[in-house]
Amino acid sequence: TYSGVSYGTSAFNALDTNSKQEILNLMDSIEKKIQVIDTTANESRHFDYQIRPNDPNSRMIIALKNEMRRLGDTMVKVALANGVSLTTEDVTDAEETKI
């Protein structure tokens, strides 16, 4: 419901409880990491410094990238729960996942 108008069930609601929780947990973790990166960028080191291998945040940034990839992959579950044929190959860049 938005501005008093019901638009029906969301695609997210078609998921089972475990899948919903997986997505919510990933989103929460992603948001927390983004906040740390943003705060660091505003207070001490821009992002281009944070991604350097010797920076304390670099490993967290790699973890963030991997979590975002997993979140993208969970969209396959959302699609399937809503009758859309989709595979991880449809949403995953094979070259990107090697990094």
PDB file of N, CA and C in Angstrom:
ATOM      1  N   THR A   1       0.845  -1.176   0.000  1.00  0.00           N
ATOM      2  CA  THR A   1       0.000   0.000   0.000  1.00  0.00           C
ATOM      3  C   THR A   1       0.889   1.237   0.000  1.00  0.00           C
ATOM      4  N   TYR A   2       0.576   2.175  -0.890  1.00  0.00           N
ATOM      5  CA  TYR A   2       1.312   3.422  -0.970  1.00  0.00           C
ATOM      6  C   TYR A   2       0.299   4.549  -1.113  1.00  0.00           C
ATOM      7  N   SER A   3       0.394   5.520  -0.227  1.00  0.00           N
ATOM      8  CA  SER A   3      -0.531   6.657  -0.223  1.00  0.00           C
ATOM      9  C   SER A   3      -1.992   6.191  -0.224  1.00  0.00           C
ATOM     10  N   GLY A   4      -2.258   5.147   0.552  1.00  0.00           N
ATOM     11  CA  GLY A   4      -3.621   4.659   0.703  1.00  0.00           C
ATOM     12  C   GLY A   4      -4.131   3.782  -0.430  1.00  0.00           C
ATOM     13  N   VAL A   5      -3.290   3.551  -1.437  1.00  0.00           N
ATOM     14  CA  VAL A   5      -3.701   2.716  -2.568  1.00  0.00           C
ATOM     15  C   VAL A   5      -3.009   1.367  -2.462  1.00  0.00           C
ATOM     16  N   SER A   6      -3.779   0.292  -2.509  1.00  0.00           N
ATOM     17  CA  SER A   6      -3.211  -1.045  -2.457  1.00  0.00           C
ATOM     18  C   SER A   6      -2.796  -1.474  -3.855  1.00  0.00           C
ATOM     19  N   TYR A   7      -1.539  -1.894  -3.969  1.00  0.00           N
ATOM     20  CA  TYR A   7      -1.016  -2.362  -5.247  1.00  0.00           C
ATOM     21  C   TYR A   7      -0.856  -3.880  -5.256  1.00  0.00           C
ATOM     22  N   GLY A   8      -1.381  -4.560  -4.245  1.00  0.00           N
ATOM     23  CA  GLY A   8      -1.309  -6.015  -4.185  1.00  0.00           C
ATOM     24  C   GLY A   8      -0.085  -6.494  -3.426  1.00  0.00           C
ATOM     25  N   THR A   9       0.143  -7.772  -3.519  1.00  0.00           N
ATOM     26  CA  THR A   9       1.245  -8.419  -2.818  1.00  0.00           C
ATOM     27  C   THR A   9       2.562  -8.113  -3.527  1.00  0.00           C
ATOM     28  N   SER A  10       3.588  -7.856  -2.756  1.00  0.00           N
ATOM     29  CA  SER A  10       4.897  -7.589  -3.355  1.00  0.00           C
ATOM     30  C   SER A  10       5.552  -8.903  -3.766  1.00  0.00           C
ATOM     31  N   ALA A  11       6.482  -8.814  -4.670  1.00  0.00           N
ATOM     32  CA  ALA A  11       7.220  -9.999  -5.119  1.00  0.00           C
ATOM     33  C   ALA A  11       7.947 -10.657  -3.953  1.00  0.00           C
ATOM     34  N   PHE A  12       8.403  -9.855  -3.018  1.00  0.00           N
ATOM     35  CA  PHE A  12       9.117 -10.342  -1.829  1.00  0.00           C
ATOM     36  C   PHE A  12       8.226 -11.256  -0.999  1.00  0.00           C
ATOM     37  N   ASN A  13       6.929 -10.934  -0.900  1.00  0.00           N
ATOM     38  CA  ASN A  13       6.011 -11.704  -0.069  1.00  0.00           C
ATOM     39  C   ASN A  13       5.771 -13.120  -0.576  1.00  0.00           C
ATOM     40  N   ALA A  14       6.116 -13.408  -1.813  1.00  0.00           N
ATOM     41  CA  ALA A  14       5.937 -14.751  -2.363  1.00  0.00           C
ATOM     42  C   ALA A  14       7.002 -15.722  -1.860  1.00  0.00           C
ATOM     43  N   LEU A  15       8.035 -15.192  -1.213  1.00  0.00           N
ATOM     44  CA  LEU A  15       9.130 -16.029  -0.731  1.00  0.00           C
ATOM     45  C   LEU A  15       8.779 -16.752   0.566  1.00  0.00           C
ATOM     46  N   ASP A  16       9.467 -17.872   0.789  1.00  0.00           N
ATOM     47  CA  ASP A  16       9.321 -18.555   2.066  1.00  0.00           C
ATOM     48  C   ASP A  16      10.062 -17.753   3.137  1.00  0.00           C
ATOM     49  N   THR A  17       9.783 -18.043   4.383  1.00  0.00           N
ATOM     50  CA  THR A  17      10.334 -17.279   5.510  1.00  0.00           C
ATOM     51  C   THR A  17      11.855 -17.283   5.525  1.00  0.00           C
ATOM     52  N   ASN A  18      12.476 -18.420   5.256  1.00  0.00           N
ATOM     53  CA  ASN A  18      13.942 -18.490   5.266  1.00  0.00           C
ATOM     54  C   ASN A  18      14.557 -17.605   4.184  1.00  0.00           C
ATOM     55  N   SER A  19      13.977 -17.611   2.999  1.00  0.00           N
ATOM     56  CA  SER A  19      14.499 -16.774   1.911  1.00  0.00           C
ATOM     57  C   SER A  19      14.337 -15.294   2.231  1.00  0.00           C
ATOM     58  N   LYS A  20      13.192 -14.937   2.811  1.00  0.00           N
ATOM     59  CA  LYS A  20      12.981 -13.540   3.211  1.00  0.00           C
ATOM     60  C   LYS A  20      14.035 -13.113   4.216  1.00  0.00           C
ATOM     61  N   GLN A  21      14.283 -13.963   5.208  1.00  0.00           N
ATOM     62  CA  GLN A  21      15.256 -13.628   6.244  1.00  0.00           C
ATOM     63  C   GLN A  21      16.660 -13.523   5.659  1.00  0.00           C
ATOM     64  N   GLU A  22      16.995 -14.407   4.729  1.00  0.00           N
ATOM     65  CA  GLU A  22      18.301 -14.353   4.069  1.00  0.00           C
ATOM     66  C   GLU A  22      18.487 -13.000   3.383  1.00  0.00           C
ATOM     67  N   ILE A  23      17.480 -12.565   2.663  1.00  0.00           N
ATOM     68  CA  ILE A  23      17.555 -11.284   1.961  1.00  0.00           C
ATOM     69  C   ILE A  23      17.636 -10.122   2.943  1.00  0.00           C
ATOM     70  N   LEU A  24      16.815 -10.154   3.981  1.00  0.00           N
ATOM     71  CA  LEU A  24      16.849  -9.076   4.976  1.00  0.00           C
ATOM     72  C   LEU A  24      18.198  -9.008   5.683  1.00  0.00           C
ATOM     73  N   ASN A  25      18.775 -10.160   6.005  1.00  0.00           N
ATOM     74  CA  ASN A  25      20.091 -10.190   6.650  1.00  0.00           C
ATOM     75  C   ASN A  25      21.167  -9.626   5.729  1.00  0.00           C
ATOM     76  N   LEU A  26      21.143 -10.026   4.460  1.00  0.00           N
ATOM     77  CA  LEU A  26      22.105  -9.495   3.501  1.00  0.00           C
ATOM     78  C   LEU A  26      21.959  -7.986   3.356  1.00  0.00           C
ATOM     79  N   MET A  27      20.727  -7.514   3.234  1.00  0.00           N
ATOM     80  CA  MET A  27      20.492  -6.076   3.079  1.00  0.00           C
ATOM     81  C   MET A  27      20.990  -5.303   4.294  1.00  0.00           C
ATOM     82  N   ASP A  28      20.764  -5.844   5.473  1.00  0.00           N
ATOM     83  CA  ASP A  28      21.221  -5.189   6.699  1.00  0.00           C
ATOM     84  C   ASP A  28      22.747  -5.121   6.734  1.00  0.00           C
ATOM     85  N   SER A  29      23.398  -6.224   6.426  1.00  0.00           N
ATOM     86  CA  SER A  29      24.858  -6.260   6.418  1.00  0.00           C
ATOM     87  C   SER A  29      25.430  -5.317   5.369  1.00  0.00           C
ATOM     88  N   ILE A  30      24.832  -5.305   4.195  1.00  0.00           N
ATOM     89  CA  ILE A  30      25.273  -4.407   3.118  1.00  0.00           C
ATOM     90  C   ILE A  30      25.138  -2.951   3.550  1.00  0.00           C
ATOM     91  N   GLU A  31      24.009  -2.595   4.120  1.00  0.00           N
ATOM     92  CA  GLU A  31      23.789  -1.208   4.559  1.00  0.00           C
ATOM     93  C   GLU A  31      24.808  -0.790   5.616  1.00  0.00           C
ATOM     94  N   LYS A  32      25.124  -1.691   6.543  1.00  0.00           N
ATOM     95  CA  LYS A  32      26.101  -1.360   7.584  1.00  0.00           C
ATOM     96  C   LYS A  32      27.485  -1.125   6.990  1.00  0.00           C
ATOM     97  N   LYS A  33      27.876  -1.963   6.046  1.00  0.00           N
ATOM     98  CA  LYS A  33      29.182  -1.794   5.412  1.00  0.00           C
ATOM     99  C   LYS A  33      29.228  -0.496   4.604  1.00  0.00           C
ATOM    100  N   ILE A  34      28.178  -0.198   3.885  1.00  0.00           N
ATOM    101  CA  ILE A  34      28.129   1.049   3.118  1.00  0.00           C
ATOM    102  C   ILE A  34      28.244   2.247   4.049  1.00  0.00           C
ATOM    103  N   GLN A  35      27.605   2.177   5.189  1.00  0.00           N
ATOM    104  CA  GLN A  35      27.678   3.284   6.144  1.00  0.00           C
ATOM    105  C   GLN A  35      29.104   3.485   6.654  1.00  0.00           C
ATOM    106  N   VAL A  36      29.813   2.402   6.938  1.00  0.00           N
ATOM    107  CA  VAL A  36      31.203   2.507   7.391  1.00  0.00           C
ATOM    108  C   VAL A  36      32.066   3.133   6.289  1.00  0.00           C
ATOM    109  N   ILE A  37      31.889   2.666   5.075  1.00  0.00           N
ATOM    110  CA  ILE A  37      32.662   3.196   3.944  1.00  0.00           C
ATOM    111  C   ILE A  37      32.371   4.678   3.747  1.00  0.00           C
ATOM    112  N   ASP A  38      31.100   5.044   3.803  1.00  0.00           N
ATOM    113  CA  ASP A  38      30.705   6.436   3.616  1.00  0.00           C
ATOM    114  C   ASP A  38      31.235   7.323   4.740  1.00  0.00           C
ATOM    115  N   THR A  39      31.102   6.867   5.968  1.00  0.00           N
ATOM    116  CA  THR A  39      31.600   7.643   7.105  1.00  0.00           C
ATOM    117  C   THR A  39      33.107   7.834   6.995  1.00  0.00           C
ATOM    118  N   THR A  40      33.808   6.759   6.662  1.00  0.00           N
ATOM    119  CA  THR A  40      35.261   6.854   6.497  1.00  0.00           C
ATOM    120  C   THR A  40      35.605   7.840   5.389  1.00  0.00           C
ATOM    121  N   ALA A  41      34.876   7.778   4.283  1.00  0.00           N
ATOM    122  CA  ALA A  41      35.137   8.687   3.158  1.00  0.00           C
ATOM    123  C   ALA A  41      34.914  10.142   3.555  1.00  0.00           C
ATOM    124  N   ASN A  42      33.911  10.378   4.371  1.00  0.00           N
ATOM    125  CA  ASN A  42      33.610  11.748   4.792  1.00  0.00           C
ATOM    126  C   ASN A  42      34.536  12.258   5.886  1.00  0.00           C
ATOM    127  N   GLU A  43      35.109  11.344   6.656  1.00  0.00           N
ATOM    128  CA  GLU A  43      35.925  11.759   7.799  1.00  0.00           C
ATOM    129  C   GLU A  43      37.425  11.663   7.584  1.00  0.00           C
ATOM    130  N   SER A  44      37.875  10.698   6.767  1.00  0.00           N
ATOM    131  CA  SER A  44      39.329  10.542   6.677  1.00  0.00           C
ATOM    132  C   SER A  44      39.871  10.111   5.321  1.00  0.00           C
ATOM    133  N   ARG A  45      39.271   9.101   4.671  1.00  0.00           N
ATOM    134  CA  ARG A  45      39.855   8.568   3.446  1.00  0.00           C
ATOM    135  C   ARG A  45      38.779   8.332   2.398  1.00  0.00           C
ATOM    136  N   HIS A  46      38.950   8.961   1.244  1.00  0.00           N
ATOM    137  CA  HIS A  46      38.016   8.731   0.147  1.00  0.00           C
ATOM    138  C   HIS A  46      38.025   7.260  -0.244  1.00  0.00           C
ATOM    139  N   PHE A  47      36.994   6.853  -0.952  1.00  0.00           N
ATOM    140  CA  PHE A  47      36.826   5.453  -1.343  1.00  0.00           C
ATOM    141  C   PHE A  47      38.033   4.919  -2.109  1.00  0.00           C
ATOM    142  N   ASP A  48      38.614   5.731  -2.993  1.00  0.00           N
ATOM    143  CA  ASP A  48      39.744   5.239  -3.782  1.00  0.00           C
ATOM    144  C   ASP A  48      40.950   4.891  -2.915  1.00  0.00           C
ATOM    145  N   TYR A  49      41.030   5.435  -1.719  1.00  0.00           N
ATOM    146  CA  TYR A  49      42.069   5.032  -0.778  1.00  0.00           C
ATOM    147  C   TYR A  49      41.648   3.774  -0.012  1.00  0.00           C
ATOM    148  N   GLN A  50      40.372   3.664   0.289  1.00  0.00           N
ATOM    149  CA  GLN A  50      39.873   2.522   1.051  1.00  0.00           C
ATOM    150  C   GLN A  50      39.987   1.197   0.296  1.00  0.00           C
ATOM    151  N   ILE A  51      39.996   1.251  -1.027  1.00  0.00           N
ATOM    152  CA  ILE A  51      40.061   0.008  -1.791  1.00  0.00           C
ATOM    153  C   ILE A  51      41.486  -0.501  -1.981  1.00  0.00           C
ATOM    154  N   ARG A  52      42.463   0.253  -1.551  1.00  0.00           N
ATOM    155  CA  ARG A  52      43.850  -0.202  -1.655  1.00  0.00           C
ATOM    156  C   ARG A  52      44.046  -1.423  -0.751  1.00  0.00           C
ATOM    157  N   PRO A  53      44.799  -2.405  -1.202  1.00  0.00           N
ATOM    158  CA  PRO A  53      44.959  -3.652  -0.441  1.00  0.00           C
ATOM    159  C   PRO A  53      45.451  -3.483   0.993  1.00  0.00           C
ATOM    160  N   ASN A  54      46.226  -2.454   1.264  1.00  0.00           N
ATOM    161  CA  ASN A  54      46.749  -2.272   2.627  1.00  0.00           C
ATOM    162  C   ASN A  54      45.837  -1.437   3.518  1.00  0.00           C
ATOM    163  N   ASP A  55      44.701  -0.966   2.999  1.00  0.00           N
ATOM    164  CA  ASP A  55      43.779  -0.167   3.810  1.00  0.00           C
ATOM    165  C   ASP A  55      42.959  -1.080   4.721  1.00  0.00           C
ATOM    166  N   PRO A  56      42.705  -0.655   5.962  1.00  0.00           N
ATOM    167  CA  PRO A  56      41.909  -1.475   6.886  1.00  0.00           C
ATOM    168  C   PRO A  56      40.507  -1.805   6.364  1.00  0.00           C
ATOM    169  N   ASN A  57      39.947  -0.986   5.492  1.00  0.00           N
ATOM    170  CA  ASN A  57      38.596  -1.236   4.985  1.00  0.00           C
ATOM    171  C   ASN A  57      38.561  -2.100   3.725  1.00  0.00           C
ATOM    172  N   SER A  58      39.709  -2.405   3.147  1.00  0.00           N
ATOM    173  CA  SER A  58      39.710  -3.108   1.862  1.00  0.00           C
ATOM    174  C   SER A  58      39.052  -4.487   1.947  1.00  0.00           C
ATOM    175  N   ARG A  59      39.300  -5.231   2.998  1.00  0.00           N
ATOM    176  CA  ARG A  59      38.695  -6.557   3.127  1.00  0.00           C
ATOM    177  C   ARG A  59      37.177  -6.451   3.310  1.00  0.00           C
ATOM    178  N   MET A  60      36.735  -5.422   4.024  1.00  0.00           N
ATOM    179  CA  MET A  60      35.305  -5.210   4.196  1.00  0.00           C
ATOM    180  C   MET A  60      34.658  -4.856   2.855  1.00  0.00           C
ATOM    181  N   ILE A  61      35.356  -4.096   2.023  1.00  0.00           N
ATOM    182  CA  ILE A  61      34.826  -3.727   0.719  1.00  0.00           C
ATOM    183  C   ILE A  61      34.690  -4.971  -0.167  1.00  0.00           C
ATOM    184  N   ILE A  62      35.658  -5.865  -0.091  1.00  0.00           N
ATOM    185  CA  ILE A  62      35.558  -7.128  -0.835  1.00  0.00           C
ATOM    186  C   ILE A  62      34.370  -7.940  -0.325  1.00  0.00           C
ATOM    187  N   ALA A  63      34.198  -7.991   0.992  1.00  0.00           N
ATOM    188  CA  ALA A  63      33.048  -8.704   1.575  1.00  0.00           C
ATOM    189  C   ALA A  63      31.742  -8.062   1.118  1.00  0.00           C
ATOM    190  N   LEU A  64      31.717  -6.742   1.057  1.00  0.00           N
ATOM    191  CA  LEU A  64      30.530  -6.017   0.582  1.00  0.00           C
ATOM    192  C   LEU A  64      30.212  -6.397  -0.859  1.00  0.00           C
ATOM    193  N   LYS A  65      31.217  -6.409  -1.706  1.00  0.00           N
ATOM    194  CA  LYS A  65      31.017  -6.796  -3.107  1.00  0.00           C
ATOM    195  C   LYS A  65      30.435  -8.205  -3.193  1.00  0.00           C
ATOM    196  N   ASN A  66      30.965  -9.115  -2.387  1.00  0.00           N
ATOM    197  CA  ASN A  66      30.475 -10.495  -2.406  1.00  0.00           C
ATOM    198  C   ASN A  66      29.042 -10.589  -1.885  1.00  0.00           C
ATOM    199  N   GLU A  67      28.719  -9.822  -0.868  1.00  0.00           N
ATOM    200  CA  GLU A  67      27.339  -9.812  -0.347  1.00  0.00           C
ATOM    201  C   GLU A  67      26.376  -9.237  -1.372  1.00  0.00           C
ATOM    202  N   MET A  68      26.794  -8.210  -2.078  1.00  0.00           N
ATOM    203  CA  MET A  68      25.939  -7.630  -3.111  1.00  0.00           C
ATOM    204  C   MET A  68      25.714  -8.633  -4.248  1.00  0.00           C
ATOM    205  N   ARG A  69      26.740  -9.400  -4.562  1.00  0.00           N
ATOM    206  CA  ARG A  69      26.599 -10.454  -5.572  1.00  0.00           C
ATOM    207  C   ARG A  69      25.598 -11.508  -5.092  1.00  0.00           C
ATOM    208  N   ARG A  70      25.727 -11.926  -3.807  1.00  0.00           N
ATOM    209  CA  ARG A  70      24.780 -12.901  -3.247  1.00  0.00           C
ATOM    210  C   ARG A  70      23.360 -12.348  -3.239  1.00  0.00           C
ATOM    211  N   LEU A  71      23.212 -11.066  -2.939  1.00  0.00           N
ATOM    212  CA  LEU A  71      21.885 -10.454  -2.962  1.00  0.00           C
ATOM    213  C   LEU A  71      21.312 -10.509  -4.375  1.00  0.00           C
ATOM    214  N   GLY A  72      22.138 -10.206  -5.357  1.00  0.00           N
ATOM    215  CA  GLY A  72      21.695 -10.318  -6.740  1.00  0.00           C
ATOM    216  C   GLY A  72      21.275 -11.740  -7.073  1.00  0.00           C
ATOM    217  N   ASP A  73      22.046 -12.700  -6.604  1.00  0.00           N
ATOM    218  CA  ASP A  73      21.710 -14.109  -6.851  1.00  0.00           C
ATOM    219  C   ASP A  73      20.401 -14.511  -6.181  1.00  0.00           C
ATOM    220  N   THR A  74      20.071 -13.898  -5.039  1.00  0.00           N
ATOM    221  CA  THR A  74      18.809 -14.240  -4.371  1.00  0.00           C
ATOM    222  C   THR A  74      17.607 -13.752  -5.173  1.00  0.00           C
ATOM    223  N   MET A  75      17.847 -12.832  -6.114  1.00  0.00           N
ATOM    224  CA  MET A  75      16.736 -12.383  -6.960  1.00  0.00           C
ATOM    225  C   MET A  75      16.210 -13.525  -7.824  1.00  0.00           C
ATOM    226  N   VAL A  76      17.047 -14.551  -8.023  1.00  0.00           N
ATOM    227  CA  VAL A  76      16.589 -15.744  -8.729  1.00  0.00           C
ATOM    228  C   VAL A  76      15.464 -16.397  -7.931  1.00  0.00           C
ATOM    229  N   LYS A  77      15.627 -16.457  -6.610  1.00  0.00           N
ATOM    230  CA  LYS A  77      14.579 -17.020  -5.753  1.00  0.00           C
ATOM    231  C   LYS A  77      13.302 -16.184  -5.831  1.00  0.00           C
ATOM    232  N   VAL A  78      13.469 -14.875  -5.814  1.00  0.00           N
ATOM    233  CA  VAL A  78      12.310 -13.979  -5.904  1.00  0.00           C
ATOM    234  C   VAL A  78      11.595 -14.205  -7.235  1.00  0.00           C
ATOM    235  N   ALA A  79      12.363 -14.283  -8.300  1.00  0.00           N
ATOM    236  CA  ALA A  79      11.774 -14.496  -9.622  1.00  0.00           C
ATOM    237  C   ALA A  79      11.021 -15.824  -9.676  1.00  0.00           C
ATOM    238  N   LEU A  80      11.674 -16.888  -9.235  1.00  0.00           N
ATOM    239  CA  LEU A  80      11.048 -18.212  -9.280  1.00  0.00           C
ATOM    240  C   LEU A  80       9.782 -18.269  -8.443  1.00  0.00           C
ATOM    241  N   ALA A  81       9.803 -17.623  -7.269  1.00  0.00           N
ATOM    242  CA  ALA A  81       8.623 -17.606  -6.397  1.00  0.00           C
ATOM    243  C   ALA A  81       7.460 -16.857  -7.044  1.00  0.00           C
ATOM    244  N   ASN A  82       7.774 -16.046  -8.040  1.00  0.00           N
ATOM    245  CA  ASN A  82       6.746 -15.268  -8.735  1.00  0.00           C
ATOM    246  C   ASN A  82       6.517 -15.748 -10.165  1.00  0.00           C
ATOM    247  N   GLY A  83       6.982 -16.971 -10.460  1.00  0.00           N
ATOM    248  CA  GLY A  83       6.708 -17.579 -11.754  1.00  0.00           C
ATOM    249  C   GLY A  83       7.556 -17.081 -12.906  1.00  0.00           C
ATOM    250  N   VAL A  84       8.696 -16.460 -12.598  1.00  0.00           N
ATOM    251  CA  VAL A  84       9.586 -15.970 -13.649  1.00  0.00           C
ATOM    252  C   VAL A  84      10.786 -16.905 -13.732  1.00  0.00           C
ATOM    253  N   SER A  85      11.083 -17.368 -14.930  1.00  0.00           N
ATOM    254  CA  SER A  85      12.216 -18.265 -15.133  1.00  0.00           C
ATOM    255  C   SER A  85      13.502 -17.443 -15.193  1.00  0.00           C
ATOM    256  N   LEU A  86      14.381 -17.665 -14.222  1.00  0.00           N
ATOM    257  CA  LEU A  86      15.622 -16.918 -14.117  1.00  0.00           C
ATOM    258  C   LEU A  86      16.647 -17.826 -13.467  1.00  0.00           C
ATOM    259  N   THR A  87      17.904 -17.735 -13.883  1.00  0.00           N
ATOM    260  CA  THR A  87      18.976 -18.510 -13.271  1.00  0.00           C
ATOM    261  C   THR A  87      20.075 -17.565 -12.816  1.00  0.00           C
ATOM    262  N   THR A  88      20.992 -18.064 -11.994  1.00  0.00           N
ATOM    263  CA  THR A  88      22.108 -17.226 -11.549  1.00  0.00           C
ATOM    264  C   THR A  88      22.975 -16.803 -12.733  1.00  0.00           C
ATOM    265  N   GLU A  89      23.018 -17.621 -13.789  1.00  0.00           N
ATOM    266  CA  GLU A  89      23.773 -17.241 -14.976  1.00  0.00           C
ATOM    267  C   GLU A  89      23.172 -15.995 -15.631  1.00  0.00           C
ATOM    268  N   ASP A  90      21.866 -15.810 -15.458  1.00  0.00           N
ATOM    269  CA  ASP A  90      21.199 -14.628 -16.010  1.00  0.00           C
ATOM    270  C   ASP A  90      21.565 -13.353 -15.266  1.00  0.00           C
ATOM    271  N   VAL A  91      21.947 -13.474 -13.997  1.00  0.00           N
ATOM    272  CA  VAL A  91      22.202 -12.279 -13.184  1.00  0.00           C
ATOM    273  C   VAL A  91      23.644 -12.123 -12.742  1.00  0.00           C
ATOM    274  N   THR A  92      24.491 -13.112 -13.028  1.00  0.00           N
ATOM    275  CA  THR A  92      25.868 -13.082 -12.562  1.00  0.00           C
ATOM    276  C   THR A  92      26.823 -12.843 -13.721  1.00  0.00           C
ATOM    277  N   ASP A  93      27.709 -11.892 -13.528  1.00  0.00           N
ATOM    278  CA  ASP A  93      28.777 -11.623 -14.488  1.00  0.00           C
ATOM    279  C   ASP A  93      29.946 -12.536 -14.133  1.00  0.00           C
ATOM    280  N   ALA A  94      30.200 -13.525 -14.970  1.00  0.00           N
ATOM    281  CA  ALA A  94      31.229 -14.520 -14.676  1.00  0.00           C
ATOM    282  C   ALA A  94      32.604 -13.892 -14.450  1.00  0.00           C
ATOM    283  N   GLU A  95      32.932 -12.858 -15.189  1.00  0.00           N
ATOM    284  CA  GLU A  95      34.217 -12.186 -15.011  1.00  0.00           C
ATOM    285  C   GLU A  95      34.298 -11.465 -13.674  1.00  0.00           C
ATOM    286  N   GLU A  96      33.209 -10.831 -13.259  1.00  0.00           N
ATOM    287  CA  GLU A  96      33.178 -10.087 -12.007  1.00  0.00           C
ATOM    288  C   GLU A  96      33.343 -11.005 -10.812  1.00  0.00           C
ATOM    289  N   THR A  97      32.792 -12.194 -10.857  1.00  0.00           N
ATOM    290  CA  THR A  97      32.841 -13.073  -9.698  1.00  0.00           C
ATOM    291  C   THR A  97      34.219 -13.656  -9.457  1.00  0.00           C
ATOM    292  N   LYS A  98      35.137 -13.530 -10.415  1.00  0.00           N
ATOM    293  CA  LYS A  98      36.490 -14.033 -10.229  1.00  0.00           C
ATOM    294  C   LYS A  98      37.302 -13.136  -9.306  1.00  0.00           C
ATOM    295  N   ILE A  99      36.882 -11.902  -9.150  1.00  0.00           N
ATOM    296  CA  ILE A  99      37.633 -10.925  -8.361  1.00  0.00           C
ATOM    297  C   ILE A  99      37.401 -11.151  -6.884  1.00  0.00           C
TER     298      ILE A  99
END
